[in-house]
C-alpha atoms as a PDB file:
ATOM      1  CA  MET A   1      44.074 -59.049 -33.192  1.00  0.00           C
ATOM      2  CA  TYR A   2      40.599 -57.772 -32.453  1.00  0.00           C
ATOM      3  CA  ALA A   3      40.689 -54.292 -30.981  1.00  0.00           C
ATOM      4  CA  ASN A   4      37.006 -54.255 -30.062  1.00  0.00           C
ATOM      5  CA  TYR A   5      33.777 -56.207 -30.115  1.00  0.00           C
ATOM      6  CA  ARG A   6      32.698 -54.653 -33.411  1.00  0.00           C
ATOM      7  CA  GLU A   7      35.746 -56.093 -35.242  1.00  0.00           C
ATOM      8  CA  PHE A   8      35.231 -59.451 -33.559  1.00  0.00           C
ATOM      9  CA  TRP A   9      31.533 -59.526 -34.500  1.00  0.00           C
ATOM     10  CA  ALA A  10      32.209 -58.586 -38.125  1.00  0.00           C
ATOM     11  CA  ASP A  11      34.773 -61.374 -38.549  1.00  0.00           C
ATOM     12  CA  TYR A  12      32.445 -63.894 -36.954  1.00  0.00           C
ATOM     13  CA  ARG A  13      29.521 -62.899 -39.162  1.00  0.00           C
ATOM     14  CA  ALA A  14      31.627 -63.547 -42.265  1.00  0.00           C
ATOM     15  CA  ILE A  15      31.824 -67.261 -41.415  1.00  0.00           C
ATOM     16  CA  ALA A  16      28.815 -67.613 -39.072  1.00  0.00           C
ATOM     17  CA  ASN A  17      27.321 -70.466 -41.110  1.00  0.00           C
ATOM     18  CA  TYR A  18      30.307 -72.636 -40.197  1.00  0.00           C
ATOM     19  CA  TYR A  19      29.446 -72.394 -36.499  1.00  0.00           C
ATOM     20  CA  GLU A  20      25.680 -72.412 -36.904  1.00  0.00           C
ATOM     21  CA  GLU A  21      25.984 -75.737 -38.723  1.00  0.00           C
ATOM     22  CA  PHE A  22      27.344 -77.319 -35.530  1.00  0.00           C
ATOM     23  CA  THR A  23      24.167 -76.294 -33.726  1.00  0.00           C
ATOM     24  CA  ARG A  24      22.034 -77.858 -36.462  1.00  0.00           C
ATOM     25  CA  ILE A  25      23.826 -81.215 -36.531  1.00  0.00           C
ATOM     26  CA  ILE A  26      24.840 -81.699 -32.864  1.00  0.00           C
ATOM     27  CA  ASN A  27      21.720 -82.113 -30.768  1.00  0.00           C
ATOM     28  CA  TRP A  28      23.283 -81.238 -27.405  1.00  0.00           C
ATOM     29  CA  MET A  29      24.896 -78.024 -28.601  1.00  0.00           C
ATOM     30  CA  GLY A  30      22.809 -74.891 -28.230  1.00  0.00           C
ATOM     31  CA  PRO A  31      23.115 -71.753 -30.360  1.00  0.00           C
ATOM     32  CA  PRO A  32      26.303 -69.783 -29.661  1.00  0.00           C
ATOM     33  CA  SER A  33      26.368 -66.362 -28.055  1.00  0.00           C
ATOM     34  CA  ILE A  34      28.722 -63.928 -29.787  1.00  0.00           C
ATOM     35  CA  GLU A  35      28.824 -61.797 -26.630  1.00  0.00           C
ATOM     36  CA  ARG A  36      29.994 -64.767 -24.579  1.00  0.00           C
ATOM     37  CA  ALA A  37      32.561 -65.663 -27.245  1.00  0.00           C
ATOM     38  CA  TRP A  38      33.930 -62.103 -27.078  1.00  0.00           C
ATOM     39  CA  ASP A  39      34.168 -62.342 -23.305  1.00  0.00           C
ATOM     40  CA  ILE A  40      36.080 -65.630 -23.559  1.00  0.00           C
ATOM     41  CA  TYR A  41      38.358 -64.193 -26.255  1.00  0.00           C
ATOM     42  CA  SER A  42      39.152 -61.156 -24.094  1.00  0.00           C
ATOM     43  CA  GLN A  43      39.880 -63.220 -20.991  1.00  0.00           C
ATOM     44  CA  ALA A  44      42.170 -65.568 -22.897  1.00  0.00           C
ATOM     45  CA  ARG A  45      44.048 -62.756 -24.626  1.00  0.00           C
ATOM     46  CA  ASN A  46      44.585 -60.912 -21.351  1.00  0.00           C
ATOM     47  CA  GLN A  47      45.358 -63.989 -19.235  1.00  0.00           C
ATOM     48  CA  GLN A  48      47.690 -62.723 -16.516  1.00  0.00           C
ATOM     49  CA  TYR A  49      49.937 -65.788 -16.248  1.00  0.00           C
ATOM     50  CA  GLY A  50      50.623 -66.040 -19.984  1.00  0.00           C
ATOM     51  CA  ILE A  51      49.763 -69.751 -19.934  1.00  0.00           C
ATOM     52  CA  LEU A  52      46.648 -71.526 -21.194  1.00  0.00           C
ATOM     53  CA  VAL A  53      45.836 -75.204 -20.661  1.00  0.00           C
ATOM     54  CA  MET A  54      44.587 -77.218 -23.642  1.00  0.00           C
ATOM     55  CA  GLY A  55      43.834 -80.871 -24.316  1.00  0.00           C
ATOM     56  CA  ARG A  56      41.423 -83.495 -23.004  1.00  0.00           C
ATOM     57  CA  THR A  57      40.798 -81.603 -19.790  1.00  0.00           C
ATOM     58  CA  CYS A  58      37.378 -83.028 -18.960  1.00  0.00           C
ATOM     59  CA  VAL A  59      37.754 -86.752 -18.335  1.00  0.00           C
ATOM     60  CA  ASP A  60      35.633 -87.632 -15.322  1.00  0.00           C
ATOM     61  CA  GLU A  61      32.196 -87.887 -16.819  1.00  0.00           C
ATOM     62  CA  ASN A  62      30.456 -91.243 -16.322  1.00  0.00           C
ATOM     63  CA  GLY A  63      32.702 -94.080 -17.424  1.00  0.00           C
ATOM     64  CA  ARG A  64      35.673 -91.925 -18.365  1.00  0.00           C
ATOM     65  CA  THR A  65      38.994 -91.852 -16.546  1.00  0.00           C
ATOM     66  CA  PRO A  66      42.300 -89.997 -16.961  1.00  0.00           C
ATOM     67  CA  ASP A  67      43.916 -93.276 -18.042  1.00  0.00           C
ATOM     68  CA  GLN A  68      42.040 -93.057 -21.306  1.00  0.00           C
ATOM     69  CA  PHE A  69      43.733 -89.858 -22.346  1.00  0.00           C
ATOM     70  CA  GLY A  70      47.077 -89.793 -20.557  1.00  0.00           C
ATOM     71  CA  ASN A  71      47.860 -86.999 -18.129  1.00  0.00           C
ATOM     72  CA  ALA A  72      44.553 -85.194 -18.638  1.00  0.00           C
ATOM     73  CA  ILE A  73      43.204 -83.196 -15.693  1.00  0.00           C
ATOM     74  CA  THR A  74      39.817 -83.673 -14.084  1.00  0.00           C
ATOM     75  CA  ILE A  75      37.028 -81.376 -12.976  1.00  0.00           C
ATOM     76  CA  ASP A  76      38.351 -81.562  -9.408  1.00  0.00           C
ATOM     77  CA  ASP A  77      41.707 -80.379 -10.720  1.00  0.00           C
ATOM     78  CA  HIS A  78      39.960 -77.408 -12.339  1.00  0.00           C
ATOM     79  CA  LYS A  79      38.467 -76.442  -9.013  1.00  0.00           C
ATOM     80  CA  ALA A  80      41.722 -76.984  -7.137  1.00  0.00           C
ATOM     81  CA  LEU A  81      43.513 -74.708  -9.576  1.00  0.00           C
ATOM     82  CA  GLY A  82      40.857 -72.069  -9.068  1.00  0.00           C
ATOM     83  CA  VAL A  83      40.429 -71.631 -12.803  1.00  0.00           C
ATOM     84  CA  ILE A  84      37.365 -70.267 -14.537  1.00  0.00           C
ATOM     85  CA  THR A  85      36.796 -69.293 -18.127  1.00  0.00           C
ATOM     86  CA  HIS A  86      33.658 -67.208 -17.766  1.00  0.00           C
ATOM     87  CA  ARG A  87      32.025 -65.339 -14.923  1.00  0.00           C
ATOM     88  CA  ASP A  88      29.057 -67.732 -15.112  1.00  0.00           C
ATOM     89  CA  GLU A  89      31.331 -70.410 -13.655  1.00  0.00           C
ATOM     90  CA  ALA A  90      32.467 -68.404 -10.649  1.00  0.00           C
ATOM     91  CA  PRO A  91      30.041 -70.104  -8.200  1.00  0.00           C
ATOM     92  CA  GLY A  92      31.641 -73.448  -9.088  1.00  0.00           C
ATOM     93  CA  VAL A  93      35.054 -72.458  -7.760  1.00  0.00           C
ATOM     94  CA  ARG A  94      35.502 -72.973  -4.046  1.00  0.00           C
ATOM     95  CA  ASN A  95      36.904 -69.912  -2.329  1.00  0.00           C
ATOM     96  CA  GLY A  96      40.374 -69.947  -0.832  1.00  0.00           C
ATOM     97  CA  GLN A  97      41.692 -73.028  -2.559  1.00  0.00           C
ATOM     98  CA  THR A  98      45.368 -73.323  -3.348  1.00  0.00           C
ATOM     99  CA  GLY A  99      46.340 -75.324  -6.389  1.00  0.00           C
ATOM    100  CA  TYR A 100      49.461 -76.099  -8.358  1.00  0.00           C
ATOM    101  CA  GLY A 101      51.921 -73.223  -8.214  1.00  0.00           C
ATOM    102  CA  ASN A 102      50.011 -71.687  -5.303  1.00  0.00           C
ATOM    103  CA  ILE A 103      47.416 -70.162  -7.603  1.00  0.00           C
ATOM    104  CA  ASN A 104      44.585 -69.441  -5.190  1.00  0.00           C
ATOM    105  CA  VAL A 105      42.635 -66.928  -7.236  1.00  0.00           C
ATOM    106  CA  ALA A 106      40.281 -67.343 -10.174  1.00  0.00           C
ATOM    107  CA  THR A 107      42.468 -67.143 -13.279  1.00  0.00           C
ATOM    108  CA  GLY A 108      39.885 -66.433 -15.928  1.00  0.00           C
ATOM    109  CA  GLY A 109      40.722 -67.747 -19.367  1.00  0.00           C
ATOM    110  CA  MET A 110      43.361 -70.305 -18.401  1.00  0.00           C
ATOM    111  CA  ILE A 111      41.182 -73.261 -19.389  1.00  0.00           C
ATOM    112  CA  MET A 112      38.422 -73.304 -21.981  1.00  0.00           C
ATOM    113  CA  HIS A 113      35.825 -75.444 -20.256  1.00  0.00           C
ATOM    114  CA  TYR A 114      32.337 -74.993 -18.836  1.00  0.00           C
ATOM    115  CA  TYR A 115      32.462 -77.646 -16.160  1.00  0.00           C
ATOM    116  CA  ASN A 116      29.260 -76.451 -14.464  1.00  0.00           C
ATOM    117  CA  ALA A 117      27.353 -77.296 -17.640  1.00  0.00           C
ATOM    118  CA  LEU A 118      28.270 -80.972 -17.580  1.00  0.00           C
ATOM    119  CA  ASP A 119      25.833 -82.069 -14.878  1.00  0.00           C
ATOM    120  CA  SER A 120      22.636 -80.204 -15.675  1.00  0.00           C
ATOM    121  CA  ALA A 121      22.635 -78.135 -18.844  1.00  0.00           C
ATOM    122  CA  TRP A 122      24.596 -80.704 -20.858  1.00  0.00           C
ATOM    123  CA  ARG A 123      22.209 -83.497 -19.909  1.00  0.00           C
ATOM    124  CA  ASN A 124      19.233 -81.396 -20.977  1.00  0.00           C
ATOM    125  CA  GLY A 125      20.704 -80.816 -24.399  1.00  0.00           C
ATOM    126  CA  LYS A 126      21.853 -77.267 -23.729  1.00  0.00           C
ATOM    127  CA  ALA A 127      25.592 -77.515 -23.252  1.00  0.00           C
ATOM    128  CA  GLY A 128      27.564 -74.531 -22.061  1.00  0.00           C
ATOM    129  CA  TYR A 129      30.082 -75.397 -24.765  1.00  0.00           C
ATOM    130  CA  HIS A 130      30.269 -74.526 -28.431  1.00  0.00           C
ATOM    131  CA  PHE A 131      33.108 -74.738 -30.931  1.00  0.00           C
ATOM    132  CA  LEU A 132      32.777 -70.981 -31.351  1.00  0.00           C
ATOM    133  CA  TYR A 133      33.766 -70.516 -27.715  1.00  0.00           C
ATOM    134  CA  ASN A 134      36.720 -72.848 -28.052  1.00  0.00           C
ATOM    135  CA  ASP A 135      37.879 -71.038 -31.189  1.00  0.00           C
ATOM    136  CA  ALA A 136      37.441 -67.625 -29.598  1.00  0.00           C
ATOM    137  CA  TRP A 137      39.584 -68.865 -26.715  1.00  0.00           C
ATOM    138  CA  LEU A 138      42.246 -70.112 -29.138  1.00  0.00           C
ATOM    139  CA  LEU A 139      42.325 -66.810 -31.001  1.00  0.00           C
ATOM    140  CA  GLY A 140      42.580 -64.893 -27.737  1.00  0.00           C
ATOM    141  CA  GLY A 141      45.529 -66.992 -26.607  1.00  0.00           C
ATOM    142  CA  ALA A 142      47.287 -66.627 -29.945  1.00  0.00           C
ATOM    143  CA  HIS A 143      46.693 -62.883 -30.071  1.00  0.00           C
ATOM    144  CA  GLY A 144      48.159 -62.630 -26.582  1.00  0.00           C
ATOM    145  CA  ARG A 145      51.010 -64.902 -27.727  1.00  0.00           C
ATOM    146  CA  HIS A 146      50.533 -67.056 -24.659  1.00  0.00           C
ATOM    147  CA  ASP A 147      51.931 -70.536 -24.251  1.00  0.00           C
ATOM    148  CA  PHE A 148      49.497 -73.462 -24.458  1.00  0.00           C
ATOM    149  CA  ASN A 149      50.332 -76.282 -22.063  1.00  0.00           C
ATOM    150  CA  LEU A 150      49.138 -79.714 -23.207  1.00  0.00           C
ATOM    151  CA  ALA A 151      47.056 -81.444 -20.546  1.00  0.00           C
ATOM    152  CA  SER A 152      47.048 -84.663 -22.582  1.00  0.00           C
ATOM    153  CA  PRO A 153      49.576 -86.256 -24.948  1.00  0.00           C
ATOM    154  CA  ARG A 154      49.410 -85.757 -28.700  1.00  0.00           C
ATOM    155  CA  TRP A 155      48.349 -89.358 -29.200  1.00  0.00           C
ATOM    156  CA  LYS A 156      46.289 -90.179 -32.278  1.00  0.00           C
ATOM    157  CA  LYS A 157      43.182 -90.923 -30.199  1.00  0.00           C
ATOM    158  CA  ASN A 158      43.448 -87.469 -28.603  1.00  0.00           C
ATOM    159  CA  ILE A 159      43.842 -85.701 -31.948  1.00  0.00           C
ATOM    160  CA  TRP A 160      41.764 -87.730 -34.398  1.00  0.00           C
ATOM    161  CA  ASP A 161      38.311 -89.270 -34.010  1.00  0.00           C
ATOM    162  CA  SER A 162      38.751 -92.520 -35.951  1.00  0.00           C
ATOM    163  CA  ARG A 163      35.078 -93.416 -35.730  1.00  0.00           C
ATOM    164  CA  GLY A 164      33.820 -90.096 -37.060  1.00  0.00           C
ATOM    165  CA  GLN A 165      36.872 -89.529 -39.275  1.00  0.00           C
ATOM    166  CA  ARG A 166      37.347 -85.994 -38.030  1.00  0.00           C
ATOM    167  CA  LEU A 167      39.407 -83.898 -35.665  1.00  0.00           C
ATOM    168  CA  THR A 168      38.693 -84.006 -31.957  1.00  0.00           C
ATOM    169  CA  ALA A 169      38.364 -80.720 -30.091  1.00  0.00           C
ATOM    170  CA  THR A 170      42.012 -81.111 -29.070  1.00  0.00           C
ATOM    171  CA  GLY A 171      42.906 -81.865 -32.672  1.00  0.00           C
ATOM    172  CA  ARG A 172      41.319 -78.604 -33.754  1.00  0.00           C
ATOM    173  CA  GLU A 173      43.443 -76.768 -31.203  1.00  0.00           C
ATOM    174  CA  VAL A 174      46.639 -78.438 -32.392  1.00  0.00           C
ATOM    175  CA  VAL A 175      45.883 -77.760 -36.067  1.00  0.00           C
ATOM    176  CA  PHE A 176      45.147 -74.096 -35.464  1.00  0.00           C
ATOM    177  CA  LEU A 177      48.247 -73.495 -33.348  1.00  0.00           C
ATOM    178  CA  ASP A 178      50.449 -75.211 -35.913  1.00  0.00           C
ATOM    179  CA  SER A 179      48.909 -73.096 -38.682  1.00  0.00           C
ATOM    180  CA  CYS A 180      49.802 -69.814 -37.004  1.00  0.00           C
ATOM    181  CA  GLY A 181      53.408 -70.522 -36.112  1.00  0.00           C
ATOM    182  CA  TYR A 182      53.197 -72.306 -32.763  1.00  0.00           C
ATOM    183  CA  ARG A 183      55.689 -75.107 -32.185  1.00  0.00           C
ATOM    184  CA  VAL A 184      56.051 -77.766 -29.491  1.00  0.00           C
ATOM    185  CA  ARG A 185      58.800 -77.614 -26.900  1.00  0.00           C
ATOM    186  CA  LYS A 186      59.502 -79.948 -23.993  1.00  0.00           C
ATOM    187  CA  VAL A 187      59.407 -78.616 -20.441  1.00  0.00           C
ATOM    188  CA  GLY A 188      61.136 -80.317 -17.515  1.00  0.00           C
ATOM    189  CA  HIS A 189      61.734 -84.053 -17.256  1.00  0.00           C
ATOM    190  CA  GLY A 190      58.150 -85.321 -17.065  1.00  0.00           C
ATOM    191  CA  GLY A 191      57.327 -85.212 -20.750  1.00  0.00           C
ATOM    192  CA  LEU A 192      55.226 -82.044 -20.511  1.00  0.00           C
ATOM    193  CA  GLU A 193      54.804 -80.320 -23.862  1.00  0.00           C
ATOM    194  CA  VAL A 194      54.073 -76.670 -24.445  1.00  0.00           C
ATOM    195  CA  TYR A 195      53.028 -74.926 -27.636  1.00  0.00           C
ATOM    196  CA  THR A 196      54.988 -71.685 -27.943  1.00  0.00           C
ATOM    197  CA  SER A 197      54.561 -68.914 -30.503  1.00  0.00           C
ATOM    198  CA  THR A 198      57.518 -68.660 -32.908  1.00  0.00           C
ATOM    199  CA  ASP A 199      55.948 -66.226 -35.388  1.00  0.00           C
ATOM    200  CA  ARG A 200      54.528 -63.052 -33.872  1.00  0.00           C
ATOM    201  CA  GLN A 201      52.931 -61.848 -37.092  1.00  0.00           C
ATOM    202  CA  ALA A 202      51.255 -65.159 -37.876  1.00  0.00           C
ATOM    203  CA  ALA A 203      49.862 -65.430 -34.353  1.00  0.00           C
ATOM    204  CA  GLN A 204      48.576 -61.887 -34.073  1.00  0.00           C
ATOM    205  CA  ASN A 205      47.205 -61.776 -37.624  1.00  0.00           C
ATOM    206  CA  SER A 206      45.171 -64.959 -37.209  1.00  0.00           C
ATOM    207  CA  ARG A 207      41.417 -64.476 -37.534  1.00  0.00           C
ATOM    208  CA  PHE A 208      38.262 -66.552 -37.626  1.00  0.00           C
ATOM    209  CA  GLN A 209      38.699 -66.972 -41.373  1.00  0.00           C
ATOM    210  CA  THR A 210      42.239 -68.357 -41.078  1.00  0.00           C
ATOM    211  CA  LEU A 211      41.229 -70.634 -38.215  1.00  0.00           C
ATOM    212  CA  VAL A 212      38.258 -72.062 -40.112  1.00  0.00           C
ATOM    213  CA  GLY A 213      40.432 -72.426 -43.222  1.00  0.00           C
ATOM    214  CA  ALA A 214      42.941 -74.494 -41.246  1.00  0.00           C
ATOM    215  CA  MET A 215      40.141 -76.783 -39.997  1.00  0.00           C
ATOM    216  CA  ARG A 216      38.653 -77.246 -43.440  1.00  0.00           C
ATOM    217  CA  SER A 217      42.021 -78.161 -44.901  1.00  0.00           C
ATOM    218  CA  VAL A 218      42.136 -81.334 -42.796  1.00  0.00           C
ATOM    219  CA  ARG A 219      40.274 -84.028 -44.735  1.00  0.00           C
ATOM    220  CA  ASN A 220      41.856 -87.167 -43.285  1.00  0.00           C
ATOM    221  CA  TYR A 221      44.295 -88.397 -40.647  1.00  0.00           C
ATOM    222  CA  ASN A 222      47.249 -88.109 -43.021  1.00  0.00           C
ATOM    223  CA  ALA A 223      46.929 -84.330 -42.799  1.00  0.00           C
ATOM    224  CA  VAL A 224      47.658 -84.394 -39.055  1.00  0.00           C
ATOM    225  CA  HIS A 225      49.858 -87.472 -38.776  1.00  0.00           C
ATOM    226  CA  ASN A 226      52.966 -85.366 -38.291  1.00  0.00           C
ATOM    227  CA  LEU A 227      51.335 -83.513 -35.398  1.00  0.00           C
ATOM    228  CA  CYS A 228      50.862 -86.696 -33.364  1.00  0.00           C
ATOM    229  CA  ILE A 229      53.237 -88.798 -31.295  1.00  0.00           C
ATOM    230  CA  PRO A 230      53.077 -92.593 -30.803  1.00  0.00           C
ATOM    231  CA  ASP A 231      50.660 -93.667 -28.063  1.00  0.00           C
ATOM    232  CA  GLY A 232      52.341 -94.146 -24.723  1.00  0.00           C
ATOM    233  CA  VAL A 233      55.410 -92.032 -25.566  1.00  0.00           C
END
């Protein structure tokens, strides 16, 4: 667990090249801000409801529908829930909305997603997203030992990019959580899955180095086959 920004910054600097490489090879991804990553980490770790939402949560860009990814939620769902990850997104949340579970306040850190960036900044090649932010969010959730609710099924296409032969963003989340002692449990009768911490020490001792190590250990689909479920199940 990171007690302060200085510890967080030092750990990031030790593996900064890993994240800076994304900026060099992905033309729509701008350079990451460590300050923003710290803010996201802190919000996720201190999330008041103890629940974070992971998975293919952004599915209504041009030509994409929830049917492609299962029970993934849309940008409108984000707004209805009143969820924001960073204060920069606050103007995008309509005041006074009541969403699922009667959450009608901004619940910073529940979802890692910069939906405001999709229309303007993303299209100009300056996305409000970076893998550093997603990883900071993951670490914050693990350090807070929060549950991670899956917004989309653990189907192969949600976990593994067959064309690029690499993990999807959701796949990275699943691999990290599995590596630090999180396990899947079923909730209710609708097939909802939740990742729950089963190893306090592994969760709270996770760091950027262990997270990056888990990602680098995955060289092909066989390494994550056991983390997936058959499509449509």
